[in-house]
Amino acid sequence: KVEVLTAKVQKQLTDYRFRSFNPGEIVLSTDNFRPLVRERVGKDIVEKEINFEVSASDAIRLKWAYLLATFELKRSGKTNHPGLVIFDEPGQQEIDSASLFAFLTRAGAVSSDDGQIIVSTSEPLDLVQQEIGGRARIVDFPGFILQPQDGQAERAADRSSDA
């Protein structure tokens, strides 16, 4: 399972244009399954924690790859994955559109009847629809999702002007 998971992470890192390390150098620890980087130092191969050696956008790419790979892994064997992954604004950290849309395409492709991937984004709806196609259900909320009930905003404004 660790080899399959590692291969899925590495493939996605390539698709998402991960640049901090060669995606083939990213492996998963057999102790705790955390991502590590395996580098050649002279004649030796050294595994080390990734820590702060990746850019903010590559840290996001690594999270996408890891979370989607663990979701996908349940298709190839028994896992304890609950079948639910939620991404809140995955395009943060000024990530480039090509990487974001590669992620959305992958999320749309791997979601299935036995699980759910929820992605909230403020990306333009037409672009998201273009990337996802018919592989996902899109729920569009015009404006803010949480809105005050009728009259509450006016009453709150009146209270603040009385102070």
N, C-alpha and C. Protein backbone atom coordinates (compact mmCIF):
# COMPACT_ATOMS: atom_id res chain seq x y z
N LYS A 1 0.82 -1.20 0.00
CA LYS A 1 0.00 0.00 0.00
C LYS A 1 0.86 1.27 0.00
N VAL A 2 1.97 1.24 0.76
CA VAL A 2 2.83 2.41 0.83
C VAL A 2 3.44 2.70 -0.54
N GLU A 3 3.83 1.66 -1.26
CA GLU A 3 4.40 1.87 -2.60
C GLU A 3 3.36 2.46 -3.56
N VAL A 4 2.14 1.95 -3.50
CA VAL A 4 1.07 2.47 -4.37
C VAL A 4 0.77 3.92 -4.00
N LEU A 5 0.66 4.20 -2.71
CA LEU A 5 0.39 5.56 -2.24
C LEU A 5 1.51 6.50 -2.67
N THR A 6 2.75 6.08 -2.51
CA THR A 6 3.89 6.90 -2.92
C THR A 6 3.84 7.19 -4.41
N ALA A 7 3.56 6.19 -5.22
CA ALA A 7 3.49 6.38 -6.68
C ALA A 7 2.39 7.37 -7.05
N LYS A 8 1.24 7.28 -6.36
CA LYS A 8 0.14 8.21 -6.63
C LYS A 8 0.52 9.64 -6.24
N VAL A 9 1.19 9.80 -5.12
CA VAL A 9 1.64 11.13 -4.70
C VAL A 9 2.63 11.70 -5.71
N GLN A 10 3.61 10.90 -6.10
CA GLN A 10 4.63 11.36 -7.05
C GLN A 10 4.00 11.76 -8.39
N LYS A 11 3.06 10.97 -8.88
CA LYS A 11 2.39 11.28 -10.16
C LYS A 11 1.65 12.60 -10.07
N GLN A 12 0.92 12.78 -8.99
CA GLN A 12 0.18 14.03 -8.83
C GLN A 12 1.11 15.23 -8.69
N LEU A 13 2.21 15.07 -7.97
CA LEU A 13 3.16 16.17 -7.82
C LEU A 13 3.70 16.59 -9.19
N THR A 14 3.92 15.63 -10.05
CA THR A 14 4.35 15.95 -11.42
C THR A 14 3.25 16.71 -12.15
N ASP A 15 2.02 16.22 -12.05
CA ASP A 15 0.88 16.86 -12.72
C ASP A 15 0.64 18.28 -12.21
N TYR A 16 0.89 18.50 -10.91
CA TYR A 16 0.64 19.81 -10.29
C TYR A 16 1.84 20.76 -10.41
N ARG A 17 2.89 20.31 -11.09
CA ARG A 17 4.08 21.14 -11.33
C ARG A 17 4.82 21.49 -10.03
N PHE A 18 4.99 20.50 -9.18
CA PHE A 18 5.77 20.63 -7.95
C PHE A 18 7.22 20.87 -8.33
N ARG A 19 7.86 21.89 -7.74
CA ARG A 19 9.19 22.29 -8.18
C ARG A 19 10.26 22.28 -7.08
N SER A 20 9.88 22.23 -5.83
CA SER A 20 10.88 22.33 -4.76
C SER A 20 11.87 21.17 -4.77
N PHE A 21 11.42 19.99 -5.18
CA PHE A 21 12.25 18.80 -5.34
C PHE A 21 11.75 18.07 -6.58
N ASN A 22 12.52 17.15 -7.06
CA ASN A 22 12.05 16.27 -8.12
C ASN A 22 10.96 15.40 -7.49
N PRO A 23 9.75 15.33 -8.08
CA PRO A 23 8.68 14.52 -7.48
C PRO A 23 9.09 13.07 -7.20
N GLY A 24 10.01 12.53 -7.99
CA GLY A 24 10.48 11.17 -7.75
C GLY A 24 11.30 11.03 -6.48
N GLU A 25 11.75 12.14 -5.92
CA GLU A 25 12.52 12.12 -4.67
C GLU A 25 11.61 12.12 -3.44
N ILE A 26 10.32 12.34 -3.63
CA ILE A 26 9.38 12.36 -2.51
C ILE A 26 8.93 10.92 -2.23
N VAL A 27 9.12 10.49 -1.01
CA VAL A 27 8.72 9.16 -0.57
C VAL A 27 7.92 9.31 0.72
N LEU A 28 7.30 8.23 1.14
CA LEU A 28 6.54 8.25 2.39
C LEU A 28 7.27 7.40 3.42
N SER A 29 7.34 7.91 4.62
CA SER A 29 7.97 7.18 5.71
C SER A 29 7.19 5.90 5.99
N THR A 30 7.90 4.81 6.20
CA THR A 30 7.21 3.56 6.53
C THR A 30 6.81 3.52 8.01
N ASP A 31 7.30 4.48 8.80
CA ASP A 31 6.94 4.56 10.22
C ASP A 31 5.62 5.31 10.43
N ASN A 32 5.52 6.50 9.82
CA ASN A 32 4.34 7.35 10.08
C ASN A 32 3.65 7.84 8.80
N PHE A 33 4.15 7.41 7.64
CA PHE A 33 3.58 7.73 6.33
C PHE A 33 3.66 9.21 5.96
N ARG A 34 4.49 9.97 6.67
CA ARG A 34 4.69 11.39 6.33
C ARG A 34 5.61 11.49 5.13
N PRO A 35 5.38 12.50 4.28
CA PRO A 35 6.27 12.68 3.12
C PRO A 35 7.69 13.06 3.55
N LEU A 36 8.64 12.46 2.89
CA LEU A 36 10.07 12.74 3.09
C LEU A 36 10.68 13.02 1.73
N VAL A 37 11.85 13.60 1.74
CA VAL A 37 12.59 13.75 0.49
C VAL A 37 13.80 12.83 0.58
N ARG A 38 14.01 12.07 -0.48
CA ARG A 38 15.16 11.15 -0.56
C ARG A 38 16.13 11.74 -1.57
N GLU A 39 17.28 12.19 -1.08
CA GLU A 39 18.27 12.85 -1.94
C GLU A 39 19.59 12.10 -1.89
N ARG A 40 20.33 12.23 -2.97
CA ARG A 40 21.67 11.67 -3.02
C ARG A 40 22.64 12.73 -2.49
N VAL A 41 23.41 12.36 -1.48
CA VAL A 41 24.44 13.23 -0.92
C VAL A 41 25.75 12.47 -1.08
N GLY A 42 26.53 12.87 -2.06
CA GLY A 42 27.74 12.11 -2.38
C GLY A 42 27.35 10.75 -2.89
N LYS A 43 27.84 9.70 -2.22
CA LYS A 43 27.50 8.33 -2.61
C LYS A 43 26.32 7.78 -1.83
N ASP A 44 25.88 8.54 -0.83
CA ASP A 44 24.80 8.07 0.05
C ASP A 44 23.44 8.63 -0.38
N ILE A 45 22.39 7.88 -0.07
CA ILE A 45 21.03 8.36 -0.25
C ILE A 45 20.49 8.66 1.13
N VAL A 46 20.03 9.91 1.32
CA VAL A 46 19.60 10.38 2.62
C VAL A 46 18.12 10.73 2.56
N GLU A 47 17.37 10.26 3.55
CA GLU A 47 15.96 10.65 3.69
C GLU A 47 15.88 11.72 4.76
N LYS A 48 15.16 12.81 4.46
CA LYS A 48 15.01 13.86 5.46
C LYS A 48 13.61 14.45 5.39
N GLU A 49 13.20 15.03 6.51
CA GLU A 49 11.92 15.71 6.59
C GLU A 49 11.90 16.87 5.60
N ILE A 50 10.76 17.13 5.03
CA ILE A 50 10.65 18.21 4.05
C ILE A 50 10.64 19.56 4.76
N ASN A 51 9.93 19.67 5.86
CA ASN A 51 9.87 20.88 6.68
C ASN A 51 9.64 22.15 5.87
N PHE A 52 10.52 23.12 6.05
CA PHE A 52 10.35 24.44 5.43
C PHE A 52 11.13 24.58 4.13
N GLU A 53 11.54 23.47 3.56
CA GLU A 53 12.35 23.53 2.35
C GLU A 53 11.51 23.61 1.08
N VAL A 54 10.20 23.70 1.22
CA VAL A 54 9.35 23.83 0.04
C VAL A 54 8.67 25.19 0.04
N SER A 55 8.35 25.68 -1.13
CA SER A 55 7.64 26.95 -1.23
C SER A 55 6.22 26.77 -0.69
N ALA A 56 5.56 27.87 -0.38
CA ALA A 56 4.19 27.80 0.13
C ALA A 56 3.27 27.12 -0.88
N SER A 57 3.43 27.44 -2.17
CA SER A 57 2.57 26.82 -3.18
C SER A 57 2.88 25.33 -3.33
N ASP A 58 4.14 24.93 -3.20
CA ASP A 58 4.47 23.50 -3.26
C ASP A 58 3.97 22.76 -2.03
N ALA A 59 3.92 23.42 -0.88
CA ALA A 59 3.35 22.79 0.31
C ALA A 59 1.87 22.47 0.07
N ILE A 60 1.15 23.39 -0.60
CA ILE A 60 -0.25 23.14 -0.95
C ILE A 60 -0.35 21.98 -1.94
N ARG A 61 0.50 21.98 -2.95
CA ARG A 61 0.49 20.89 -3.94
C ARG A 61 0.72 19.53 -3.26
N LEU A 62 1.64 19.50 -2.30
CA LEU A 62 1.94 18.26 -1.58
C LEU A 62 0.72 17.80 -0.77
N LYS A 63 0.02 18.75 -0.15
CA LYS A 63 -1.20 18.38 0.59
C LYS A 63 -2.27 17.84 -0.34
N TRP A 64 -2.47 18.50 -1.48
CA TRP A 64 -3.45 17.99 -2.46
C TRP A 64 -3.12 16.55 -2.83
N ALA A 65 -1.85 16.34 -3.22
CA ALA A 65 -1.43 15.03 -3.70
C ALA A 65 -1.62 13.96 -2.62
N TYR A 66 -1.21 14.27 -1.41
CA TYR A 66 -1.29 13.31 -0.32
C TYR A 66 -2.75 12.97 0.00
N LEU A 67 -3.58 13.99 0.13
CA LEU A 67 -4.98 13.74 0.51
C LEU A 67 -5.76 13.02 -0.59
N LEU A 68 -5.56 13.41 -1.84
CA LEU A 68 -6.25 12.71 -2.93
C LEU A 68 -5.71 11.29 -3.10
N ALA A 69 -4.41 11.10 -2.91
CA ALA A 69 -3.83 9.76 -3.03
C ALA A 69 -4.37 8.82 -1.97
N THR A 70 -4.52 9.31 -0.73
CA THR A 70 -5.08 8.45 0.32
C THR A 70 -6.54 8.12 0.01
N PHE A 71 -7.28 9.08 -0.57
CA PHE A 71 -8.67 8.83 -0.98
C PHE A 71 -8.70 7.76 -2.07
N GLU A 72 -7.81 7.87 -3.05
CA GLU A 72 -7.75 6.91 -4.17
C GLU A 72 -7.32 5.53 -3.72
N LEU A 73 -6.48 5.46 -2.71
CA LEU A 73 -5.91 4.18 -2.28
C LEU A 73 -6.99 3.18 -1.90
N LYS A 74 -8.12 3.66 -1.41
CA LYS A 74 -9.17 2.74 -0.99
C LYS A 74 -9.75 1.94 -2.16
N ARG A 75 -9.49 2.39 -3.37
CA ARG A 75 -9.94 1.64 -4.55
C ARG A 75 -9.09 0.41 -4.81
N SER A 76 -7.81 0.45 -4.39
CA SER A 76 -6.93 -0.67 -4.69
C SER A 76 -6.80 -1.65 -3.54
N GLY A 77 -7.44 -1.39 -2.44
CA GLY A 77 -7.37 -2.32 -1.32
C GLY A 77 -8.13 -1.76 -0.13
N LYS A 78 -8.23 -2.58 0.89
CA LYS A 78 -8.95 -2.16 2.09
C LYS A 78 -8.13 -1.11 2.84
N THR A 79 -8.80 -0.02 3.21
CA THR A 79 -8.16 1.03 4.02
C THR A 79 -9.16 1.47 5.08
N ASN A 80 -8.72 2.33 5.96
CA ASN A 80 -9.60 2.91 6.98
C ASN A 80 -10.02 4.32 6.61
N HIS A 81 -9.87 4.68 5.34
CA HIS A 81 -10.24 6.03 4.90
C HIS A 81 -11.76 6.20 5.01
N PRO A 82 -12.22 7.33 5.56
CA PRO A 82 -13.67 7.52 5.72
C PRO A 82 -14.40 7.83 4.41
N GLY A 83 -13.67 8.10 3.34
CA GLY A 83 -14.32 8.37 2.05
C GLY A 83 -14.77 9.81 1.90
N LEU A 84 -14.20 10.71 2.68
CA LEU A 84 -14.55 12.12 2.60
C LEU A 84 -13.29 12.97 2.69
N VAL A 85 -13.14 13.90 1.73
CA VAL A 85 -12.04 14.86 1.76
C VAL A 85 -12.65 16.22 1.45
N ILE A 86 -12.27 17.22 2.23
CA ILE A 86 -12.78 18.58 2.03
C ILE A 86 -11.59 19.53 1.84
N PHE A 87 -11.65 20.29 0.76
CA PHE A 87 -10.63 21.30 0.47
C PHE A 87 -11.30 22.66 0.50
N ASP A 88 -10.80 23.55 1.33
CA ASP A 88 -11.33 24.90 1.42
C ASP A 88 -10.37 25.85 0.71
N GLU A 89 -10.81 26.39 -0.41
CA GLU A 89 -10.02 27.34 -1.21
C GLU A 89 -8.64 26.78 -1.53
N PRO A 90 -8.59 25.70 -2.33
CA PRO A 90 -7.29 25.09 -2.64
C PRO A 90 -6.36 25.99 -3.45
N GLY A 91 -6.87 27.04 -4.06
CA GLY A 91 -6.04 27.92 -4.88
C GLY A 91 -5.30 28.98 -4.11
N GLN A 92 -5.24 28.85 -2.79
CA GLN A 92 -4.54 29.85 -1.99
C GLN A 92 -3.04 29.85 -2.29
N GLN A 93 -2.31 30.76 -1.73
CA GLN A 93 -0.86 30.89 -1.91
C GLN A 93 -0.48 31.21 -3.35
N GLU A 94 -1.37 31.93 -4.05
CA GLU A 94 -1.06 32.38 -5.41
C GLU A 94 -0.62 31.23 -6.31
N ILE A 95 -1.28 30.11 -6.18
CA ILE A 95 -0.94 28.94 -6.98
C ILE A 95 -1.33 29.20 -8.43
N ASP A 96 -0.55 28.71 -9.38
CA ASP A 96 -0.86 28.99 -10.77
C ASP A 96 -2.08 28.20 -11.23
N SER A 97 -2.78 28.75 -12.21
CA SER A 97 -4.03 28.16 -12.70
C SER A 97 -3.84 26.75 -13.22
N ALA A 98 -2.75 26.50 -13.92
CA ALA A 98 -2.54 25.16 -14.49
C ALA A 98 -2.49 24.10 -13.38
N SER A 99 -1.81 24.40 -12.28
CA SER A 99 -1.74 23.45 -11.17
C SER A 99 -3.10 23.27 -10.52
N LEU A 100 -3.80 24.38 -10.29
CA LEU A 100 -5.12 24.31 -9.67
C LEU A 100 -6.09 23.50 -10.51
N PHE A 101 -6.09 23.74 -11.81
CA PHE A 101 -7.03 23.02 -12.66
C PHE A 101 -6.64 21.56 -12.85
N ALA A 102 -5.35 21.25 -12.76
CA ALA A 102 -4.93 19.84 -12.75
C ALA A 102 -5.47 19.16 -11.50
N PHE A 103 -5.42 19.87 -10.37
CA PHE A 103 -5.98 19.35 -9.12
C PHE A 103 -7.49 19.13 -9.24
N LEU A 104 -8.22 20.13 -9.75
CA LEU A 104 -9.68 20.01 -9.88
C LEU A 104 -10.05 18.86 -10.82
N THR A 105 -9.30 18.71 -11.90
CA THR A 105 -9.56 17.61 -12.83
C THR A 105 -9.35 16.27 -12.13
N ARG A 106 -8.27 16.15 -11.37
CA ARG A 106 -7.99 14.90 -10.65
C ARG A 106 -9.08 14.63 -9.61
N ALA A 107 -9.45 15.66 -8.86
CA ALA A 107 -10.50 15.48 -7.83
C ALA A 107 -11.79 15.03 -8.48
N GLY A 108 -12.15 15.61 -9.61
CA GLY A 108 -13.36 15.21 -10.31
C GLY A 108 -13.28 13.78 -10.81
N ALA A 109 -12.11 13.37 -11.24
CA ALA A 109 -11.93 12.02 -11.79
C ALA A 109 -11.93 10.94 -10.71
N VAL A 110 -11.41 11.23 -9.52
CA VAL A 110 -11.27 10.19 -8.50
C VAL A 110 -12.47 10.11 -7.55
N SER A 111 -13.31 11.14 -7.55
CA SER A 111 -14.49 11.05 -6.68
C SER A 111 -15.37 9.92 -7.21
N SER A 112 -16.09 9.29 -6.32
CA SER A 112 -16.82 8.09 -6.71
C SER A 112 -18.08 7.93 -5.88
N ASP A 113 -18.81 6.85 -6.19
CA ASP A 113 -20.03 6.57 -5.45
C ASP A 113 -19.78 6.19 -4.00
N ASP A 114 -18.59 5.70 -3.69
CA ASP A 114 -18.29 5.29 -2.33
C ASP A 114 -17.51 6.34 -1.55
N GLY A 115 -17.54 7.57 -2.01
CA GLY A 115 -16.86 8.63 -1.30
C GLY A 115 -17.23 9.99 -1.87
N GLN A 116 -16.75 11.02 -1.20
CA GLN A 116 -17.08 12.37 -1.63
C GLN A 116 -15.89 13.29 -1.43
N ILE A 117 -15.63 14.10 -2.45
CA ILE A 117 -14.61 15.14 -2.36
C ILE A 117 -15.34 16.46 -2.50
N ILE A 118 -15.18 17.32 -1.50
CA ILE A 118 -15.83 18.63 -1.51
C ILE A 118 -14.74 19.68 -1.66
N VAL A 119 -14.92 20.57 -2.63
CA VAL A 119 -13.97 21.64 -2.87
C VAL A 119 -14.74 22.95 -2.89
N SER A 120 -14.34 23.90 -2.04
CA SER A 120 -14.93 25.23 -2.12
C SER A 120 -13.87 26.15 -2.70
N THR A 121 -14.29 26.96 -3.65
CA THR A 121 -13.34 27.83 -4.32
C THR A 121 -14.02 29.10 -4.78
N SER A 122 -13.25 30.15 -4.90
CA SER A 122 -13.77 31.40 -5.44
C SER A 122 -13.30 31.61 -6.88
N GLU A 123 -12.79 30.54 -7.49
CA GLU A 123 -12.39 30.61 -8.89
C GLU A 123 -13.63 30.87 -9.75
N PRO A 124 -13.45 31.49 -10.91
CA PRO A 124 -14.61 31.75 -11.80
C PRO A 124 -15.33 30.46 -12.16
N LEU A 125 -16.65 30.49 -12.03
CA LEU A 125 -17.48 29.30 -12.23
C LEU A 125 -17.28 28.69 -13.61
N ASP A 126 -17.23 29.50 -14.65
CA ASP A 126 -17.09 28.95 -16.00
C ASP A 126 -15.79 28.17 -16.18
N LEU A 127 -14.71 28.62 -15.54
CA LEU A 127 -13.44 27.90 -15.63
C LEU A 127 -13.50 26.57 -14.87
N VAL A 128 -14.14 26.59 -13.71
CA VAL A 128 -14.27 25.36 -12.92
C VAL A 128 -15.12 24.35 -13.70
N GLN A 129 -16.23 24.80 -14.27
CA GLN A 129 -17.10 23.91 -15.05
C GLN A 129 -16.34 23.32 -16.23
N GLN A 130 -15.51 24.13 -16.86
CA GLN A 130 -14.73 23.68 -18.01
C GLN A 130 -13.77 22.57 -17.60
N GLU A 131 -13.13 22.70 -16.45
CA GLU A 131 -12.16 21.70 -16.00
C GLU A 131 -12.82 20.44 -15.46
N ILE A 132 -13.90 20.60 -14.72
CA ILE A 132 -14.56 19.45 -14.10
C ILE A 132 -15.42 18.70 -15.10
N GLY A 133 -16.01 19.44 -16.04
CA GLY A 133 -16.89 18.80 -17.00
C GLY A 133 -18.08 18.19 -16.29
N GLY A 134 -18.52 17.06 -16.71
CA GLY A 134 -19.66 16.39 -16.11
C GLY A 134 -19.28 15.42 -15.02
N ARG A 135 -18.04 15.46 -14.55
CA ARG A 135 -17.57 14.48 -13.56
C ARG A 135 -17.90 14.84 -12.14
N ALA A 136 -18.54 15.99 -11.91
CA ALA A 136 -18.82 16.40 -10.54
C ALA A 136 -20.09 17.24 -10.51
N ARG A 137 -20.68 17.29 -9.36
CA ARG A 137 -21.84 18.16 -9.16
C ARG A 137 -21.32 19.48 -8.61
N ILE A 138 -21.67 20.56 -9.28
CA ILE A 138 -21.23 21.88 -8.86
C ILE A 138 -22.41 22.62 -8.25
N VAL A 139 -22.21 23.12 -7.05
CA VAL A 139 -23.22 23.94 -6.39
C VAL A 139 -22.66 25.35 -6.33
N ASP A 140 -23.34 26.28 -6.96
CA ASP A 140 -22.89 27.67 -7.02
C ASP A 140 -23.68 28.50 -6.02
N PHE A 141 -22.96 29.23 -5.19
CA PHE A 141 -23.59 30.15 -4.24
C PHE A 141 -23.27 31.57 -4.70
N PRO A 142 -24.23 32.27 -5.25
CA PRO A 142 -23.94 33.66 -5.62
C PRO A 142 -23.77 34.50 -4.35
N GLY A 143 -22.73 35.29 -4.31
CA GLY A 143 -22.47 36.11 -3.12
C GLY A 143 -21.90 35.25 -2.00
N PHE A 144 -22.05 35.73 -0.77
CA PHE A 144 -21.54 35.01 0.38
C PHE A 144 -22.49 33.88 0.76
N ILE A 145 -21.94 32.75 1.19
CA ILE A 145 -22.78 31.61 1.59
C ILE A 145 -23.57 31.95 2.84
N LEU A 146 -22.93 32.57 3.83
CA LEU A 146 -23.62 32.96 5.06
C LEU A 146 -24.06 34.40 4.92
N GLN A 147 -25.35 34.62 5.05
CA GLN A 147 -25.93 35.95 4.91
C GLN A 147 -26.84 36.21 6.11
N PRO A 148 -26.91 37.46 6.57
CA PRO A 148 -27.84 37.76 7.67
C PRO A 148 -29.29 37.61 7.16
N GLN A 149 -30.18 37.27 8.09
CA GLN A 149 -31.59 37.19 7.73
C GLN A 149 -32.11 38.59 7.44
N ASP A 150 -33.20 38.66 6.69
CA ASP A 150 -33.78 39.96 6.36
C ASP A 150 -33.98 40.80 7.62
N GLY A 151 -33.53 42.04 7.58
CA GLY A 151 -33.72 42.96 8.69
C GLY A 151 -32.63 42.92 9.74
N GLN A 152 -31.87 41.79 9.85
CA GLN A 152 -30.84 41.70 10.88
C GLN A 152 -29.70 42.67 10.62
N ALA A 153 -29.33 42.83 9.36
CA ALA A 153 -28.22 43.73 9.03
C ALA A 153 -28.59 45.17 9.38
N GLU A 154 -29.83 45.54 9.08
CA GLU A 154 -30.26 46.90 9.38
C GLU A 154 -30.31 47.15 10.89
N ARG A 155 -30.83 46.16 11.66
CA ARG A 155 -30.90 46.30 13.12
C ARG A 155 -29.50 46.38 13.73
N ALA A 156 -28.58 45.60 13.19
CA ALA A 156 -27.21 45.65 13.71
C ALA A 156 -26.58 47.00 13.41
N ALA A 157 -26.85 47.56 12.24
CA ALA A 157 -26.31 48.88 11.89
C ALA A 157 -26.92 49.94 12.80
N ASP A 158 -28.24 49.84 13.11
CA ASP A 158 -28.89 50.79 13.99
C ASP A 158 -28.28 50.73 15.39
N ARG A 159 -28.01 49.53 15.90
CA ARG A 159 -27.43 49.37 17.23
C ARG A 159 -26.03 50.00 17.28
N SER A 160 -25.26 49.82 16.24
CA SER A 160 -23.90 50.38 16.27
C SER A 160 -23.92 51.90 16.15
N SER A 161 -24.92 52.47 15.49
CA SER A 161 -24.99 53.94 15.40
C SER A 161 -25.49 54.56 16.69
N ASP A 162 -26.21 53.76 17.53
CA ASP A 162 -26.71 54.27 18.81
C ASP A 162 -25.57 54.37 19.83
N ALA A 163 -24.52 53.60 19.63
CA ALA A 163 -23.42 53.56 20.62
C ALA A 163 -22.57 54.80 20.59
